[in-house]
Protein backbone atom coordinates (compact mmCIF):
# COMPACT_ATOMS: atom_id res chain seq x y z
CA UNK A 1 -71.53 -31.77 -31.00
CA UNK A 2 -71.92 -35.17 -29.72
CA UNK A 3 -73.13 -36.08 -26.34
CA UNK A 4 -72.66 -39.56 -24.82
CA UNK A 5 -74.56 -41.74 -22.39
CA UNK A 6 -73.27 -43.80 -19.44
CA UNK A 7 -74.35 -47.17 -21.64
CA UNK A 8 -71.81 -45.81 -24.55
CA UNK A 9 -74.36 -44.53 -27.08
CA UNK A 10 -73.73 -41.35 -28.79
CA UNK A 11 -76.28 -38.72 -30.08
CA UNK A 12 -75.38 -35.76 -32.47
CA UNK A 13 -77.96 -33.26 -33.58
CA UNK A 14 -78.36 -32.59 -37.34
CA UNK A 15 -80.84 -29.87 -37.64
CA UNK A 16 -83.98 -31.27 -35.77
CA UNK A 17 -82.95 -34.89 -36.25
CA UNK A 18 -80.71 -36.89 -33.78
CA UNK A 19 -78.37 -39.26 -35.23
CA UNK A 20 -77.49 -42.21 -32.71
CA UNK A 21 -74.83 -44.87 -32.38
CA UNK A 22 -72.41 -46.50 -30.01
CA UNK A 23 -68.99 -45.16 -29.02
CA UNK A 24 -65.78 -46.25 -30.36
CA UNK A 25 -65.02 -47.35 -26.70
CA UNK A 26 -68.00 -49.35 -26.84
CA UNK A 27 -67.49 -51.10 -30.20
CA UNK A 28 -63.81 -51.94 -28.92
CA UNK A 29 -65.23 -54.01 -25.71
CA UNK A 30 -67.73 -55.70 -28.16
CA UNK A 31 -65.12 -57.07 -30.69
CA UNK A 32 -66.21 -57.92 -34.16
CA UNK A 33 -69.90 -57.18 -34.84
CA UNK A 34 -71.69 -59.80 -36.75
CA UNK A 35 -75.40 -58.59 -36.69
CA UNK A 36 -77.39 -55.71 -35.66
CA UNK A 37 -81.18 -55.45 -34.92
CA UNK A 38 -82.24 -52.21 -35.70
CA UNK A 39 -85.61 -50.46 -34.48
CA UNK A 40 -88.64 -49.85 -36.84
CA UNK A 41 -89.17 -46.59 -38.42
CA UNK A 42 -92.01 -44.92 -36.67
CA UNK A 43 -91.27 -46.48 -33.45
CA UNK A 44 -91.49 -43.90 -30.28
CA UNK A 45 -88.69 -44.48 -28.05
CA UNK A 46 -88.25 -43.16 -24.50
CA UNK A 47 -85.10 -42.11 -23.05
CA UNK A 48 -83.05 -45.10 -21.91
CA UNK A 49 -85.49 -47.50 -23.48
CA UNK A 50 -83.81 -50.37 -25.48
CA UNK A 51 -83.84 -49.53 -29.08
CA UNK A 52 -81.45 -51.86 -30.85
CA UNK A 53 -79.27 -55.02 -29.96
CA UNK A 54 -75.92 -55.37 -31.56
CA UNK A 55 -74.27 -58.77 -31.71
CA UNK A 56 -70.64 -59.62 -31.64
CA UNK A 57 -68.45 -62.69 -31.71
CA UNK A 58 -68.18 -62.05 -27.96
CA UNK A 59 -71.64 -61.14 -26.91
CA UNK A 60 -75.12 -59.58 -27.58
CA UNK A 61 -75.53 -55.85 -26.24
CA UNK A 62 -78.64 -53.68 -26.05
CA UNK A 63 -78.41 -50.17 -27.46
CA UNK A 64 -80.57 -47.61 -25.83
CA UNK A 65 -82.16 -44.42 -26.73
CA UNK A 66 -79.92 -41.55 -25.36
CA UNK A 67 -83.12 -39.09 -25.77
CA UNK A 68 -86.67 -39.57 -26.32
CA UNK A 69 -88.19 -39.49 -29.93
CA UNK A 70 -89.65 -40.98 -33.05
CA UNK A 71 -87.35 -43.33 -35.35
CA UNK A 72 -87.30 -41.70 -38.57
CA UNK A 73 -84.84 -43.60 -40.13
CA UNK A 74 -82.29 -46.57 -39.92
CA UNK A 75 -79.03 -47.21 -41.15
CA UNK A 76 -79.77 -50.08 -43.57
CA UNK A 77 -76.10 -50.62 -44.58
CA UNK A 78 -75.51 -52.14 -41.17
CA UNK A 79 -77.86 -54.86 -42.31
CA UNK A 80 -75.17 -56.44 -44.70
CA UNK A 81 -72.29 -54.60 -43.17
CA UNK A 82 -72.47 -54.90 -39.37
CA UNK A 83 -68.67 -54.48 -39.28
CA UNK A 84 -69.19 -50.85 -40.09
CA UNK A 85 -69.63 -50.26 -36.45
CA UNK A 86 -66.36 -51.52 -35.83
CA UNK A 87 -64.61 -49.59 -38.49
CA UNK A 88 -66.41 -46.25 -38.22
CA UNK A 89 -68.67 -46.41 -34.95
CA UNK A 90 -68.90 -42.67 -34.66
CA UNK A 91 -69.54 -41.87 -38.25
CA UNK A 92 -70.91 -44.33 -40.88
CA UNK A 93 -71.79 -46.76 -38.30
CA UNK A 94 -74.64 -44.92 -36.85
CA UNK A 95 -77.81 -47.03 -35.97
CA UNK A 96 -80.73 -44.88 -36.17
CA UNK A 97 -82.15 -41.27 -36.47
CA UNK A 98 -84.75 -39.89 -34.28
CA UNK A 99 -87.04 -36.77 -34.18
CA UNK A 100 -86.63 -35.63 -30.74
CA UNK A 101 -89.63 -35.12 -28.53
CA UNK A 102 -87.80 -33.44 -25.54
CA UNK A 103 -84.42 -31.77 -26.69
CA UNK A 104 -83.58 -30.79 -23.22
CA UNK A 105 -82.72 -34.38 -22.39
CA UNK A 106 -79.59 -33.97 -24.37
CA UNK A 107 -78.39 -31.55 -22.02
CA UNK A 108 -78.00 -33.92 -19.11
CA UNK A 109 -75.59 -36.21 -21.44
CA UNK A 110 -71.90 -36.19 -21.27
CA UNK A 111 -69.84 -33.86 -23.61
CA UNK A 112 -66.60 -35.86 -25.18
CA UNK A 113 -64.09 -34.81 -22.68
CA UNK A 114 -66.54 -36.15 -19.66
CA UNK A 115 -67.29 -39.12 -21.70
CA UNK A 116 -63.57 -40.11 -22.38
CA UNK A 117 -62.92 -39.61 -18.55
CA UNK A 118 -65.78 -42.04 -17.75
CA UNK A 119 -64.91 -44.51 -20.37
CA UNK A 120 -61.28 -44.85 -19.41
């Protein structure tokens, strides 16, 4: 199940790894994405710490870690195809994967229905 932050990131657990991206709502607000600055593999992130930057024709926006953990993989496809964020923000357009250090942090995030109510 995906959980969402008030900064429009999503996180989904796949086994003991957390996949992170931005919501479809966020990519709509950004417009056409032209560049993504991804975190380094091995970087330790704390919850709500800036992890990446996404640039669009309209603006640049920070992407924050929804939970704490170690970056174990980044979506290399975004380097050459940043528009994946526009076409598949909540699937192929994920940003990075974390090995969580505090799984209880995910419990405080919004579920999909709460997030939709928040974002509308």
